[in-house]
Amino acid sequence: MIKNKTSSYGIGYVKVKNINNRPNQFIISTPDAEYFQSYDSVIAMRTENKIYLDENYWDYSTTTGKYRNIFLNENKKLTETKIKNNTYLLVDLNN
């Protein structure tokens, strides 16, 4: 879990912001990737070349889906299509 703060660790910055001012929905930006975290679970990771979705939590609830859609800028049907054609990869982002 990534806490809600901005820090410098010498190799770059970590910036955390809430989606639509919701207290448990975060976009975390690092030098290498951008993450969507819902409560204590990382749902998605976007790198320069690829999007990864957590295999267990990407479609956990309606609320998670709503904010995942905002993060990806698409609806669930398009996300499912991209999973099926391997545009998005399902991986374990939480262990």
Protein backbone atom coordinates (compact mmCIF):
# COMPACT_ATOMS: atom_id res chain seq x y z
CA MET A 1 0.00 0.00 0.00
CA ILE A 2 1.26 3.46 -0.86
CA LYS A 3 0.40 6.25 1.54
CA ASN A 4 -1.04 9.60 0.48
CA LYS A 5 2.00 11.90 0.28
CA THR A 6 4.62 13.23 -2.08
CA SER A 7 8.24 12.30 -1.37
CA SER A 8 11.65 12.45 -2.97
CA TYR A 9 13.91 9.41 -2.62
CA GLY A 10 16.87 10.69 -4.59
CA ILE A 11 15.98 8.75 -7.76
CA GLY A 12 12.74 10.54 -8.53
CA TYR A 13 9.46 11.58 -7.06
CA VAL A 14 6.38 9.75 -5.90
CA LYS A 15 3.22 11.79 -6.30
CA VAL A 16 -0.12 10.62 -4.91
CA LYS A 17 -3.47 12.22 -5.65
CA ASN A 18 -7.04 11.24 -4.96
CA ILE A 19 -9.39 10.58 -7.87
CA ASN A 20 -12.28 13.08 -7.72
CA ASN A 21 -11.33 13.86 -4.11
CA ARG A 22 -12.39 10.36 -3.01
CA PRO A 23 -10.38 9.40 0.09
CA ASN A 24 -9.68 5.76 -0.88
CA GLN A 25 -9.07 6.04 -4.63
CA PHE A 26 -5.51 7.02 -5.59
CA ILE A 27 -3.38 7.66 -8.63
CA ILE A 28 0.27 7.18 -7.73
CA SER A 29 2.88 8.55 -10.14
CA THR A 30 6.51 7.41 -10.01
CA PRO A 31 9.33 7.93 -12.50
CA ASP A 32 8.70 4.46 -13.98
CA ALA A 33 4.92 3.96 -13.81
CA GLU A 34 1.53 5.25 -12.81
CA TYR A 35 -0.69 3.17 -10.51
CA PHE A 36 -4.34 3.10 -9.57
CA GLN A 37 -4.89 2.02 -5.98
CA SER A 38 -8.32 1.41 -4.43
CA TYR A 39 -8.22 1.26 -0.64
CA ASP A 40 -5.25 -1.04 0.12
CA SER A 41 -5.08 -2.80 -3.27
CA VAL A 42 -3.20 -1.84 -6.42
CA ILE A 43 -5.66 -2.34 -9.28
CA ALA A 44 -3.69 -1.20 -12.33
CA MET A 45 -0.21 -0.16 -13.39
CA ARG A 46 0.54 1.87 -16.51
CA THR A 47 4.10 2.05 -17.86
CA GLU A 48 5.28 3.82 -20.97
CA ASN A 49 4.58 0.72 -23.07
CA LYS A 50 2.06 -1.48 -21.25
CA ILE A 51 -0.90 -1.65 -18.88
CA TYR A 52 -1.09 -4.33 -16.21
CA LEU A 53 -4.23 -5.14 -14.22
CA ASP A 54 -4.27 -7.07 -10.97
CA GLU A 55 -5.61 -10.53 -11.72
CA ASN A 56 -7.59 -10.65 -8.45
CA TYR A 57 -8.81 -7.08 -8.00
CA TRP A 58 -9.19 -5.44 -11.42
CA ASP A 59 -12.97 -6.05 -11.30
CA TYR A 60 -13.43 -6.34 -7.54
CA SER A 61 -16.49 -4.10 -7.12
CA THR A 62 -18.65 -1.51 -8.81
CA THR A 63 -16.76 1.27 -7.05
CA THR A 64 -13.37 -0.15 -8.05
CA GLY A 65 -14.65 -0.45 -11.61
CA LYS A 66 -15.89 3.13 -11.69
CA TYR A 67 -12.48 4.52 -10.73
CA ARG A 68 -10.56 1.98 -12.84
CA ASN A 69 -12.55 3.24 -15.82
CA ILE A 70 -11.54 6.81 -14.98
CA PHE A 71 -7.87 5.76 -14.67
CA LEU A 72 -7.94 3.91 -18.01
CA ASN A 73 -10.29 6.41 -19.67
CA GLU A 74 -12.55 3.65 -21.01
CA ASN A 75 -15.50 1.44 -20.09
CA LYS A 76 -15.43 -2.12 -18.72
CA LYS A 77 -16.34 -3.72 -22.05
CA LEU A 78 -13.30 -2.17 -23.74
CA THR A 79 -11.09 -3.23 -20.81
CA GLU A 80 -12.34 -6.81 -21.15
CA THR A 81 -11.60 -6.76 -24.89
CA LYS A 82 -8.07 -5.52 -24.23
CA ILE A 83 -7.55 -8.30 -21.67
CA LYS A 84 -8.74 -10.93 -24.17
CA ASN A 85 -6.44 -9.68 -26.93
CA ASN A 86 -3.46 -9.31 -24.53
CA THR A 87 -3.23 -5.54 -24.86
CA TYR A 88 -3.58 -5.55 -21.07
CA LEU A 89 -1.88 -8.22 -18.98
CA LEU A 90 -3.38 -9.73 -15.84
CA VAL A 91 -0.72 -10.09 -13.14
CA ASP A 92 -0.46 -10.09 -9.35
CA LEU A 93 0.23 -6.45 -8.42
CA ASN A 94 -0.25 -6.96 -4.68
CA ASN A 95 2.32 -9.60 -3.70
